[in-house]
Amino acid sequence: MSSGEGEYAMQAFAEKVFRETNHTLVNGTSRSSHFYWHICHYWNWGEPWYGGFRESQGDYRLENQPFLERNYMPNMLGWFLLSSTTSPEDIEWMMARAAGYKAGFALVARYKSLKDNPETDRLLELINIWQEASRSGIFSQDQLARLKDPANDFHLEKDEKGWKLYPFSKHRFEHAKLMHQPGKHTFSEWKFQNSDPEQPFHFTLTLLGTEGEVVNPWIELDGLNKLVLPGKFEAGQSVVCDGKTVRVYNSKGKFIKDLHIGKPLPVLTKGLHTLKFDGESASEESIISRLVISTRSVPEVTNY
């Protein structure tokens, strides 16, 4: 590019490297052109530096898959960054997409991050399990279609009886700041049916919009278990509970901090539940709070 000859110079440079390398060369790129197609083994777009696994160029990665297929190139999801706070849920989200598209990916895994992440052994185990399942061709066409959808979450296990693919059910609710007469409550109340087995309480709270703040939002389950999320939360941030920890992320999906609730997290039983939510607005801007409750469903068993 610096030669002033633009795209031609880039292609000429790439060809020179390709033809003059005297050993096996695997040639990957995030740039493409009509000529470069002839000397490239794969294109791997999607940079990991902007946020978490789901947010960092998420749509861009998936939109590229049909393009790669039309050009007879291997499916690749791009680059992902394994940090000290990467969770098993993050890894399984990525691996489900990889399995659905039968795609590869690049994983930036620096030694310090691997050492500092308490879940490292579990993360690497999950990558191996999903890779083995995908290469063994255990998924049906219906499962592959669902694995492609970024809105779907899955957990995969293997035992002596075969493979178990656990889909997640999701219940979505939205709360808007309302102006009521004095003395009338401002919280939102919903009912939902959990048809899945008893399990830890999983939720994601996202503050939609670009401006405004919410202070000390709270979630109450069945009138007994009230969780107060201490602090001030800005528009765009999200709070994620995996049943064990509660973490705060910025609008790009980057980890900010752990929240200390000070009480045991509730267990979600099977059956009908009542959910309440509210939070004090710290600004005049109206923020919509989206609350998603996730439950792990019964497994789909594959005997392979």
Foldseek 3Di string as FASTA:
>chain_A
DVVPPPPVVVLVVVVVCQVPDPDDDAAEECDDDPNVLVRHQAYADWDAPQAALCQRCNVVQLVCLVVCVVSVHARESHEHEQALPDDLQRLQLVLLLCLLSVYHYHYHDDPVRLVNRPCNVVSVVQNVQSVVCSVVPQDDNVSSVQSNDSVWTWDWDADPQAIWIWTKDKDKDKAKQDDDDPPDDRKDKDKDFAQAAKFAWWKKKAWADDFWKWAFKWKDKQNPDIFTFHDIGTHLKMWTDPRAWIWIAHNSHHTDDTTDRPDHGDMDHGTMMMMMIDTHIPDPDMIMMMMMIMDIHGIDGTGD
